[in-house]
Amino acid sequence: MKKKYLISMFLFCTLSAGSLLAQEADIAIGRYIPPEKDSVIEIFKCGDKYCGKTVCIKDNFYPEKDKDKGVPGTPYLDHNNEDPKLRTRPNLGMVFLTGFDHVGEGLYKNGRIYNPRDGKTYCGKFTALEGGNRLDLKGTLCSFTFIGKTNTWLKLGNLNLDAPNWDCTFKKK
């Protein structure tokens, strides 16, 4: 009887620990506003890794003054990409955070960050803080990881994404 009880307790604890680790790993999942407050980024699970994509862009069109970058009034494209074939893909809906591993305690490492503003890809990590309400994303030069920049993103709150100047993928469904 005692042996069955110990085995049952062991199995219960093992299964419970796995469930708690999975919940902790998913703490970063959600929608965030970067410091520029010009987009909404969604962190999601992609296989056993974590990724991020742009789901909303504020004023998602080339202004008249940017004629050299795109046609005024049309949505932003990945015009700085080093691969000419990708320069016509829209920034809205783009997966630009890829391959992040959850390593524990809200820390996600070993990912890649593509920056459509300069067309470069950086090494990255992020930390989910304050119960997932804040995310600190650090991008570094892959060959010199001590050279980089950290941005703090805040969980999407009560921002009015129904305003006409917000272009969101989920509003188009």
N, C-alpha and C. Protein backbone atom coordinates (compact mmCIF):
# COMPACT_ATOMS: atom_id res chain seq x y z
N MET A 1 0.82 -1.19 0.00
CA MET A 1 0.00 0.00 0.00
C MET A 1 0.87 1.25 0.00
N LYS A 2 1.89 1.26 0.85
CA LYS A 2 2.78 2.42 0.97
C LYS A 2 3.53 2.65 -0.35
N LYS A 3 3.91 1.54 -1.01
CA LYS A 3 4.63 1.64 -2.27
C LYS A 3 3.75 2.27 -3.35
N LYS A 4 2.47 1.86 -3.43
CA LYS A 4 1.53 2.45 -4.39
C LYS A 4 1.34 3.94 -4.13
N TYR A 5 1.25 4.28 -2.87
CA TYR A 5 1.08 5.69 -2.48
C TYR A 5 2.29 6.50 -2.94
N LEU A 6 3.49 6.01 -2.71
CA LEU A 6 4.71 6.73 -3.11
C LEU A 6 4.80 6.87 -4.63
N ILE A 7 4.46 5.82 -5.34
CA ILE A 7 4.48 5.88 -6.81
C ILE A 7 3.45 6.89 -7.30
N SER A 8 2.26 6.85 -6.72
CA SER A 8 1.21 7.81 -7.11
C SER A 8 1.66 9.25 -6.85
N MET A 9 2.25 9.49 -5.69
CA MET A 9 2.72 10.84 -5.36
C MET A 9 3.83 11.28 -6.32
N PHE A 10 4.74 10.36 -6.65
CA PHE A 10 5.82 10.67 -7.57
C PHE A 10 5.25 11.07 -8.94
N LEU A 11 4.32 10.28 -9.45
CA LEU A 11 3.71 10.58 -10.74
C LEU A 11 2.95 11.91 -10.70
N PHE A 12 2.22 12.15 -9.65
CA PHE A 12 1.47 13.41 -9.50
C PHE A 12 2.43 14.60 -9.51
N CYS A 13 3.49 14.52 -8.75
CA CYS A 13 4.45 15.62 -8.66
C CYS A 13 5.15 15.84 -9.99
N THR A 14 5.51 14.77 -10.68
CA THR A 14 6.18 14.87 -11.97
C THR A 14 5.28 15.53 -13.00
N LEU A 15 4.03 15.07 -13.08
CA LEU A 15 3.08 15.65 -14.04
C LEU A 15 2.75 17.09 -13.69
N SER A 16 2.59 17.40 -12.44
CA SER A 16 2.30 18.77 -12.00
C SER A 16 3.46 19.71 -12.31
N ALA A 17 4.68 19.26 -12.09
CA ALA A 17 5.86 20.09 -12.36
C ALA A 17 5.94 20.39 -13.85
N GLY A 18 5.68 19.41 -14.70
CA GLY A 18 5.71 19.63 -16.15
C GLY A 18 4.67 20.65 -16.57
N SER A 19 3.50 20.58 -15.98
CA SER A 19 2.43 21.52 -16.29
C SER A 19 2.80 22.94 -15.84
N LEU A 20 3.39 23.06 -14.66
CA LEU A 20 3.79 24.38 -14.17
C LEU A 20 4.91 24.97 -15.01
N LEU A 21 5.86 24.13 -15.45
CA LEU A 21 6.94 24.63 -16.30
C LEU A 21 6.40 25.10 -17.64
N ALA A 22 5.43 24.38 -18.20
CA ALA A 22 4.83 24.80 -19.47
C ALA A 22 4.10 26.13 -19.30
N GLN A 23 3.37 26.30 -18.18
CA GLN A 23 2.68 27.56 -17.94
C GLN A 23 3.67 28.70 -17.79
N GLU A 24 4.77 28.46 -17.07
CA GLU A 24 5.78 29.50 -16.87
C GLU A 24 6.43 29.84 -18.20
N ALA A 25 6.67 28.84 -19.05
CA ALA A 25 7.30 29.08 -20.35
C ALA A 25 6.41 29.96 -21.23
N ASP A 26 5.11 29.81 -21.11
CA ASP A 26 4.18 30.56 -21.95
C ASP A 26 3.83 31.94 -21.40
N ILE A 27 4.49 32.37 -20.34
CA ILE A 27 4.18 33.66 -19.71
C ILE A 27 4.35 34.83 -20.67
N ALA A 28 5.25 34.70 -21.64
CA ALA A 28 5.53 35.80 -22.57
C ALA A 28 4.50 35.89 -23.70
N ILE A 29 3.70 34.87 -23.89
CA ILE A 29 2.75 34.87 -25.00
C ILE A 29 1.74 35.99 -24.80
N GLY A 30 1.55 36.76 -25.87
CA GLY A 30 0.60 37.87 -25.82
C GLY A 30 1.01 38.97 -26.78
N ARG A 31 0.30 40.09 -26.68
CA ARG A 31 0.54 41.24 -27.55
C ARG A 31 1.18 42.37 -26.76
N TYR A 32 2.18 43.00 -27.38
CA TYR A 32 2.98 44.03 -26.72
C TYR A 32 3.11 45.28 -27.58
N ILE A 33 3.33 46.40 -26.90
CA ILE A 33 3.60 47.69 -27.55
C ILE A 33 5.07 48.01 -27.32
N PRO A 34 5.85 48.21 -28.40
CA PRO A 34 7.25 48.61 -28.22
C PRO A 34 7.34 50.08 -27.82
N PRO A 35 8.52 50.56 -27.44
CA PRO A 35 8.66 51.94 -26.95
C PRO A 35 8.20 53.01 -27.94
N GLU A 36 8.33 52.75 -29.24
CA GLU A 36 7.91 53.74 -30.25
C GLU A 36 6.40 53.90 -30.31
N LYS A 37 5.67 52.95 -29.76
CA LYS A 37 4.20 52.95 -29.74
C LYS A 37 3.60 53.06 -31.15
N ASP A 38 4.30 52.48 -32.13
CA ASP A 38 3.84 52.56 -33.51
C ASP A 38 3.43 51.20 -34.08
N SER A 39 3.44 50.17 -33.24
CA SER A 39 3.07 48.84 -33.70
C SER A 39 2.64 47.99 -32.51
N VAL A 40 2.06 46.85 -32.84
CA VAL A 40 1.73 45.85 -31.82
C VAL A 40 2.39 44.56 -32.27
N ILE A 41 3.12 43.96 -31.34
CA ILE A 41 3.85 42.74 -31.62
C ILE A 41 3.22 41.60 -30.84
N GLU A 42 3.01 40.48 -31.51
CA GLU A 42 2.44 39.31 -30.84
C GLU A 42 3.53 38.25 -30.67
N ILE A 43 3.75 37.83 -29.43
CA ILE A 43 4.65 36.73 -29.12
C ILE A 43 3.81 35.46 -29.09
N PHE A 44 4.26 34.43 -29.79
CA PHE A 44 3.49 33.19 -29.86
C PHE A 44 4.45 32.00 -29.91
N LYS A 45 3.90 30.83 -29.70
CA LYS A 45 4.69 29.60 -29.74
C LYS A 45 4.73 29.12 -31.18
N CYS A 46 5.93 28.78 -31.65
CA CYS A 46 6.10 28.23 -33.00
C CYS A 46 6.88 26.93 -32.86
N GLY A 47 6.15 25.83 -32.83
CA GLY A 47 6.76 24.54 -32.51
C GLY A 47 7.14 24.53 -31.04
N ASP A 48 8.39 24.20 -30.75
CA ASP A 48 8.85 24.22 -29.35
C ASP A 48 9.64 25.48 -29.04
N LYS A 49 9.59 26.45 -29.93
CA LYS A 49 10.29 27.73 -29.77
C LYS A 49 9.25 28.85 -29.63
N TYR A 50 9.75 30.08 -29.49
CA TYR A 50 8.88 31.25 -29.40
C TYR A 50 9.27 32.24 -30.48
N CYS A 51 8.26 32.86 -31.08
CA CYS A 51 8.45 33.77 -32.18
C CYS A 51 7.62 35.04 -31.95
N GLY A 52 7.80 36.02 -32.80
CA GLY A 52 7.02 37.25 -32.70
C GLY A 52 6.76 37.83 -34.07
N LYS A 53 5.57 38.41 -34.23
CA LYS A 53 5.22 39.04 -35.51
C LYS A 53 4.50 40.34 -35.26
N THR A 54 4.51 41.17 -36.27
CA THR A 54 3.82 42.45 -36.23
C THR A 54 2.36 42.23 -36.59
N VAL A 55 1.45 42.53 -35.66
CA VAL A 55 0.03 42.33 -35.93
C VAL A 55 -0.72 43.64 -36.15
N CYS A 56 -0.11 44.77 -35.78
CA CYS A 56 -0.70 46.09 -36.03
C CYS A 56 0.42 47.08 -36.31
N ILE A 57 0.15 48.01 -37.22
CA ILE A 57 1.07 49.12 -37.48
C ILE A 57 0.26 50.40 -37.52
N LYS A 58 0.72 51.37 -36.77
CA LYS A 58 0.07 52.68 -36.75
C LYS A 58 0.52 53.46 -37.99
N ASP A 59 -0.46 54.08 -38.67
CA ASP A 59 -0.17 54.85 -39.88
C ASP A 59 0.67 54.03 -40.86
N ASN A 60 0.15 52.86 -41.23
CA ASN A 60 0.86 51.90 -42.08
C ASN A 60 0.81 52.29 -43.55
N PHE A 61 1.46 53.39 -43.88
CA PHE A 61 1.57 53.80 -45.28
C PHE A 61 2.76 54.72 -45.45
N TYR A 62 3.33 54.68 -46.64
CA TYR A 62 4.44 55.58 -46.94
C TYR A 62 3.91 57.00 -47.07
N PRO A 63 4.48 57.94 -46.33
CA PRO A 63 4.07 59.34 -46.48
C PRO A 63 4.65 59.95 -47.76
N GLU A 64 4.13 61.06 -48.14
CA GLU A 64 4.56 61.76 -49.36
C GLU A 64 6.07 62.00 -49.36
N LYS A 65 6.64 62.30 -48.19
CA LYS A 65 8.07 62.63 -48.11
C LYS A 65 8.98 61.42 -48.32
N ASP A 66 8.45 60.19 -48.31
CA ASP A 66 9.25 58.98 -48.47
C ASP A 66 9.10 58.36 -49.86
N LYS A 67 8.98 59.18 -50.90
CA LYS A 67 8.80 58.67 -52.26
C LYS A 67 9.92 57.74 -52.68
N ASP A 68 11.13 57.96 -52.16
CA ASP A 68 12.27 57.12 -52.54
C ASP A 68 12.18 55.72 -51.94
N LYS A 69 11.36 55.52 -50.91
CA LYS A 69 11.25 54.22 -50.25
C LYS A 69 10.05 53.42 -50.70
N GLY A 70 8.97 54.10 -51.06
CA GLY A 70 7.76 53.40 -51.46
C GLY A 70 6.74 54.37 -52.03
N VAL A 71 5.70 53.83 -52.59
CA VAL A 71 4.64 54.64 -53.18
C VAL A 71 3.81 55.26 -52.06
N PRO A 72 3.74 56.61 -52.02
CA PRO A 72 2.95 57.26 -50.96
C PRO A 72 1.53 56.71 -50.90
N GLY A 73 1.07 56.44 -49.67
CA GLY A 73 -0.27 55.94 -49.45
C GLY A 73 -0.38 54.42 -49.46
N THR A 74 0.70 53.70 -49.82
CA THR A 74 0.66 52.24 -49.81
C THR A 74 1.32 51.71 -48.53
N PRO A 75 0.97 50.48 -48.10
CA PRO A 75 1.51 49.94 -46.86
C PRO A 75 3.03 49.75 -46.91
N TYR A 76 3.64 49.85 -45.73
CA TYR A 76 5.09 49.65 -45.61
C TYR A 76 5.49 48.26 -46.06
N LEU A 77 6.59 48.19 -46.79
CA LEU A 77 7.15 46.93 -47.25
C LEU A 77 8.54 46.75 -46.67
N ASP A 78 9.06 45.56 -46.78
CA ASP A 78 10.37 45.21 -46.26
C ASP A 78 11.45 45.67 -47.25
N HIS A 79 11.43 46.94 -47.62
CA HIS A 79 12.27 47.47 -48.70
C HIS A 79 13.76 47.49 -48.38
N ASN A 80 14.16 47.31 -47.13
CA ASN A 80 15.59 47.29 -46.78
C ASN A 80 16.18 45.89 -46.72
N ASN A 81 15.38 44.86 -47.03
CA ASN A 81 15.87 43.49 -46.94
C ASN A 81 17.03 43.27 -47.90
N GLU A 82 18.04 42.54 -47.44
CA GLU A 82 19.20 42.25 -48.28
C GLU A 82 18.82 41.33 -49.44
N ASP A 83 17.76 40.55 -49.28
CA ASP A 83 17.29 39.65 -50.34
C ASP A 83 16.27 40.41 -51.19
N PRO A 84 16.61 40.73 -52.44
CA PRO A 84 15.68 41.50 -53.30
C PRO A 84 14.30 40.87 -53.43
N LYS A 85 14.21 39.53 -53.34
CA LYS A 85 12.91 38.85 -53.49
C LYS A 85 11.98 39.15 -52.31
N LEU A 86 12.54 39.54 -51.16
CA LEU A 86 11.72 39.79 -49.98
C LEU A 86 11.36 41.27 -49.81
N ARG A 87 11.84 42.11 -50.67
CA ARG A 87 11.61 43.56 -50.51
C ARG A 87 10.17 43.98 -50.77
N THR A 88 9.37 43.11 -51.34
CA THR A 88 7.97 43.46 -51.60
C THR A 88 7.02 42.85 -50.57
N ARG A 89 7.55 42.17 -49.56
CA ARG A 89 6.65 41.59 -48.54
C ARG A 89 6.25 42.69 -47.56
N PRO A 90 5.00 42.66 -47.12
CA PRO A 90 4.53 43.70 -46.19
C PRO A 90 5.13 43.52 -44.79
N ASN A 91 5.34 44.63 -44.12
CA ASN A 91 5.79 44.58 -42.73
C ASN A 91 4.68 44.06 -41.82
N LEU A 92 3.44 44.38 -42.14
CA LEU A 92 2.31 43.92 -41.34
C LEU A 92 2.16 42.41 -41.51
N GLY A 93 2.20 41.69 -40.40
CA GLY A 93 2.10 40.24 -40.42
C GLY A 93 3.45 39.54 -40.48
N MET A 94 4.54 40.31 -40.59
CA MET A 94 5.86 39.73 -40.71
C MET A 94 6.32 39.10 -39.39
N VAL A 95 6.79 37.86 -39.48
CA VAL A 95 7.42 37.19 -38.33
C VAL A 95 8.88 37.65 -38.34
N PHE A 96 9.26 38.41 -37.33
CA PHE A 96 10.62 38.96 -37.29
C PHE A 96 11.41 38.51 -36.07
N LEU A 97 10.75 37.86 -35.12
CA LEU A 97 11.43 37.23 -33.98
C LEU A 97 11.29 35.73 -34.19
N THR A 98 12.40 35.01 -34.22
CA THR A 98 12.34 33.57 -34.49
C THR A 98 13.30 32.79 -33.60
N GLY A 99 12.92 31.56 -33.30
CA GLY A 99 13.81 30.60 -32.69
C GLY A 99 14.20 30.81 -31.24
N PHE A 100 13.38 31.48 -30.45
CA PHE A 100 13.73 31.72 -29.04
C PHE A 100 13.40 30.49 -28.20
N ASP A 101 14.37 30.08 -27.40
CA ASP A 101 14.20 28.95 -26.47
C ASP A 101 13.87 29.49 -25.10
N HIS A 102 12.88 28.88 -24.44
CA HIS A 102 12.61 29.22 -23.04
C HIS A 102 13.62 28.46 -22.20
N VAL A 103 14.40 29.19 -21.39
CA VAL A 103 15.44 28.55 -20.58
C VAL A 103 15.14 28.63 -19.10
N GLY A 104 13.98 29.18 -18.74
CA GLY A 104 13.57 29.22 -17.34
C GLY A 104 13.47 30.63 -16.80
N GLU A 105 12.63 30.78 -15.78
CA GLU A 105 12.44 32.03 -15.07
C GLU A 105 12.17 33.23 -15.98
N GLY A 106 11.32 33.01 -16.98
CA GLY A 106 10.92 34.10 -17.88
C GLY A 106 11.97 34.50 -18.88
N LEU A 107 13.05 33.74 -19.03
CA LEU A 107 14.14 34.07 -19.95
C LEU A 107 14.05 33.22 -21.21
N TYR A 108 14.17 33.89 -22.35
CA TYR A 108 14.11 33.26 -23.67
C TYR A 108 15.37 33.68 -24.41
N LYS A 109 16.15 32.70 -24.91
CA LYS A 109 17.45 32.99 -25.52
C LYS A 109 17.59 32.31 -26.87
N ASN A 110 18.73 32.60 -27.50
CA ASN A 110 19.16 31.94 -28.74
C ASN A 110 18.28 32.25 -29.94
N GLY A 111 17.59 33.38 -29.91
CA GLY A 111 16.71 33.73 -31.01
C GLY A 111 17.37 34.68 -32.00
N ARG A 112 16.62 34.97 -33.04
CA ARG A 112 17.05 35.92 -34.07
C ARG A 112 16.01 37.02 -34.17
N ILE A 113 16.49 38.25 -34.36
CA ILE A 113 15.63 39.42 -34.50
C ILE A 113 15.93 40.06 -35.84
N TYR A 114 14.95 40.07 -36.72
CA TYR A 114 15.11 40.77 -37.99
C TYR A 114 14.56 42.17 -37.82
N ASN A 115 15.33 43.17 -38.22
CA ASN A 115 14.89 44.56 -38.11
C ASN A 115 14.59 45.10 -39.51
N PRO A 116 13.31 45.25 -39.86
CA PRO A 116 12.98 45.74 -41.20
C PRO A 116 13.41 47.19 -41.43
N ARG A 117 13.71 47.93 -40.37
CA ARG A 117 14.15 49.32 -40.55
C ARG A 117 15.54 49.41 -41.17
N ASP A 118 16.39 48.39 -40.90
CA ASP A 118 17.72 48.41 -41.50
C ASP A 118 18.03 47.16 -42.33
N GLY A 119 17.11 46.19 -42.35
CA GLY A 119 17.29 44.99 -43.15
C GLY A 119 18.30 44.00 -42.57
N LYS A 120 18.68 44.16 -41.32
CA LYS A 120 19.69 43.31 -40.69
C LYS A 120 19.03 42.35 -39.69
N THR A 121 19.72 41.22 -39.47
CA THR A 121 19.27 40.24 -38.48
C THR A 121 20.28 40.22 -37.34
N TYR A 122 19.75 40.21 -36.12
CA TYR A 122 20.56 40.27 -34.92
C TYR A 122 20.29 39.04 -34.05
N CYS A 123 21.22 38.74 -33.17
CA CYS A 123 20.99 37.71 -32.16
C CYS A 123 20.18 38.34 -31.04
N GLY A 124 19.38 37.54 -30.36
CA GLY A 124 18.55 38.15 -29.34
C GLY A 124 18.15 37.25 -28.21
N LYS A 125 17.66 37.91 -27.18
CA LYS A 125 17.06 37.24 -26.03
C LYS A 125 16.01 38.19 -25.47
N PHE A 126 15.06 37.63 -24.73
CA PHE A 126 14.11 38.50 -24.05
C PHE A 126 13.72 37.88 -22.73
N THR A 127 13.27 38.75 -21.85
CA THR A 127 12.85 38.34 -20.52
C THR A 127 11.45 38.86 -20.27
N ALA A 128 10.55 37.98 -19.88
CA ALA A 128 9.19 38.36 -19.50
C ALA A 128 9.22 38.71 -18.01
N LEU A 129 8.79 39.91 -17.67
CA LEU A 129 8.83 40.40 -16.30
C LEU A 129 7.43 40.81 -15.85
N GLU A 130 7.27 41.01 -14.57
CA GLU A 130 6.01 41.49 -13.99
C GLU A 130 4.82 40.62 -14.42
N GLY A 131 5.00 39.31 -14.31
CA GLY A 131 3.92 38.39 -14.66
C GLY A 131 3.58 38.41 -16.14
N GLY A 132 4.54 38.76 -16.99
CA GLY A 132 4.31 38.81 -18.42
C GLY A 132 3.78 40.14 -18.90
N ASN A 133 3.68 41.14 -18.03
CA ASN A 133 3.17 42.46 -18.44
C ASN A 133 4.25 43.35 -19.05
N ARG A 134 5.50 42.93 -18.93
CA ARG A 134 6.62 43.68 -19.49
C ARG A 134 7.59 42.69 -20.12
N LEU A 135 8.16 43.07 -21.23
CA LEU A 135 9.11 42.22 -21.91
C LEU A 135 10.33 43.06 -22.25
N ASP A 136 11.50 42.63 -21.81
CA ASP A 136 12.75 43.31 -22.16
C ASP A 136 13.43 42.51 -23.25
N LEU A 137 13.52 43.10 -24.45
CA LEU A 137 14.10 42.46 -25.62
C LEU A 137 15.47 43.05 -25.88
N LYS A 138 16.48 42.19 -25.97
CA LYS A 138 17.83 42.66 -26.26
C LYS A 138 18.30 42.07 -27.57
N GLY A 139 18.69 42.95 -28.48
CA GLY A 139 19.28 42.54 -29.74
C GLY A 139 20.76 42.88 -29.72
N THR A 140 21.58 41.96 -30.21
CA THR A 140 23.03 42.18 -30.23
C THR A 140 23.59 41.79 -31.59
N LEU A 141 24.78 42.31 -31.87
CA LEU A 141 25.51 41.83 -33.03
C LEU A 141 25.90 40.39 -32.72
N CYS A 142 25.64 39.48 -33.63
CA CYS A 142 25.86 38.07 -33.33
C CYS A 142 27.33 37.76 -33.07
N SER A 143 28.24 38.47 -33.72
CA SER A 143 29.66 38.20 -33.51
C SER A 143 30.22 38.93 -32.28
N PHE A 144 29.52 39.96 -31.81
CA PHE A 144 29.93 40.71 -30.63
C PHE A 144 28.72 40.91 -29.73
N THR A 145 28.37 39.89 -28.96
CA THR A 145 27.12 39.93 -28.20
C THR A 145 27.12 40.97 -27.08
N PHE A 146 28.25 41.57 -26.80
CA PHE A 146 28.28 42.64 -25.79
C PHE A 146 27.86 43.98 -26.40
N ILE A 147 27.73 44.03 -27.74
CA ILE A 147 27.27 45.25 -28.41
C ILE A 147 25.81 45.04 -28.78
N GLY A 148 24.94 45.84 -28.17
CA GLY A 148 23.53 45.67 -28.47
C GLY A 148 22.67 46.74 -27.82
N LYS A 149 21.38 46.49 -27.90
CA LYS A 149 20.40 47.44 -27.39
C LYS A 149 19.24 46.67 -26.78
N THR A 150 18.71 47.19 -25.67
CA THR A 150 17.55 46.59 -25.03
C THR A 150 16.36 47.53 -25.15
N ASN A 151 15.23 46.99 -25.52
CA ASN A 151 13.97 47.73 -25.57
C ASN A 151 13.00 47.09 -24.58
N THR A 152 12.18 47.91 -23.95
CA THR A 152 11.15 47.42 -23.06
C THR A 152 9.81 47.54 -23.74
N TRP A 153 9.12 46.42 -23.86
CA TRP A 153 7.79 46.38 -24.44
C TRP A 153 6.79 46.16 -23.30
N LEU A 154 5.64 46.79 -23.42
CA LEU A 154 4.58 46.65 -22.41
C LEU A 154 3.43 45.86 -23.01
N LYS A 155 2.81 45.03 -22.18
CA LYS A 155 1.66 44.24 -22.61
C LYS A 155 0.57 45.20 -23.09
N LEU A 156 -0.05 44.83 -24.18
CA LEU A 156 -1.11 45.65 -24.76
C LEU A 156 -2.21 45.87 -23.74
N GLY A 157 -2.50 47.10 -23.46
CA GLY A 157 -3.53 47.44 -22.48
C GLY A 157 -4.80 47.88 -23.18
N ASN A 158 -5.23 49.07 -22.87
CA ASN A 158 -6.50 49.57 -23.39
C ASN A 158 -6.30 50.51 -24.58
N LEU A 159 -5.26 50.31 -25.36
CA LEU A 159 -5.02 51.11 -26.55
C LEU A 159 -6.15 50.87 -27.55
N ASN A 160 -6.69 51.93 -28.12
CA ASN A 160 -7.79 51.82 -29.07
C ASN A 160 -7.27 51.45 -30.45
N LEU A 161 -7.26 50.18 -30.76
CA LEU A 161 -6.80 49.71 -32.06
C LEU A 161 -7.90 49.79 -33.11
N ASP A 162 -9.09 50.23 -32.71
CA ASP A 162 -10.18 50.42 -33.67
C ASP A 162 -10.08 51.76 -34.38
N ALA A 163 -9.18 52.63 -33.91
CA ALA A 163 -8.99 53.92 -34.55
C ALA A 163 -8.53 53.68 -36.00
N PRO A 164 -8.95 54.54 -36.93
CA PRO A 164 -8.65 54.31 -38.34
C PRO A 164 -7.16 54.31 -38.69
N ASN A 165 -6.32 54.92 -37.85
CA ASN A 165 -4.89 54.96 -38.19
C ASN A 165 -4.15 53.67 -37.80
N TRP A 166 -4.85 52.69 -37.20
CA TRP A 166 -4.24 51.41 -36.86
C TRP A 166 -4.64 50.36 -37.90
N ASP A 167 -3.65 49.75 -38.53
CA ASP A 167 -3.85 48.68 -39.50
C ASP A 167 -3.45 47.37 -38.81
N CYS A 168 -4.44 46.49 -38.58
CA CYS A 168 -4.19 45.27 -37.81
C CYS A 168 -4.62 44.04 -38.60
N THR A 169 -3.78 42.99 -38.56
CA THR A 169 -4.11 41.75 -39.28
C THR A 169 -5.39 41.13 -38.76
N PHE A 170 -5.61 41.19 -37.45
CA PHE A 170 -6.79 40.52 -36.89
C PHE A 170 -8.07 41.31 -37.15
N LYS A 171 -7.97 42.56 -37.56
CA LYS A 171 -9.18 43.32 -37.94
C LYS A 171 -9.61 42.98 -39.36
N LYS A 172 -8.73 42.33 -40.13
CA LYS A 172 -9.03 42.04 -41.53
C LYS A 172 -9.70 40.69 -41.73
N LYS A 173 -9.87 39.93 -40.68
CA LYS A 173 -10.44 38.58 -40.82
C LYS A 173 -11.90 38.62 -41.11
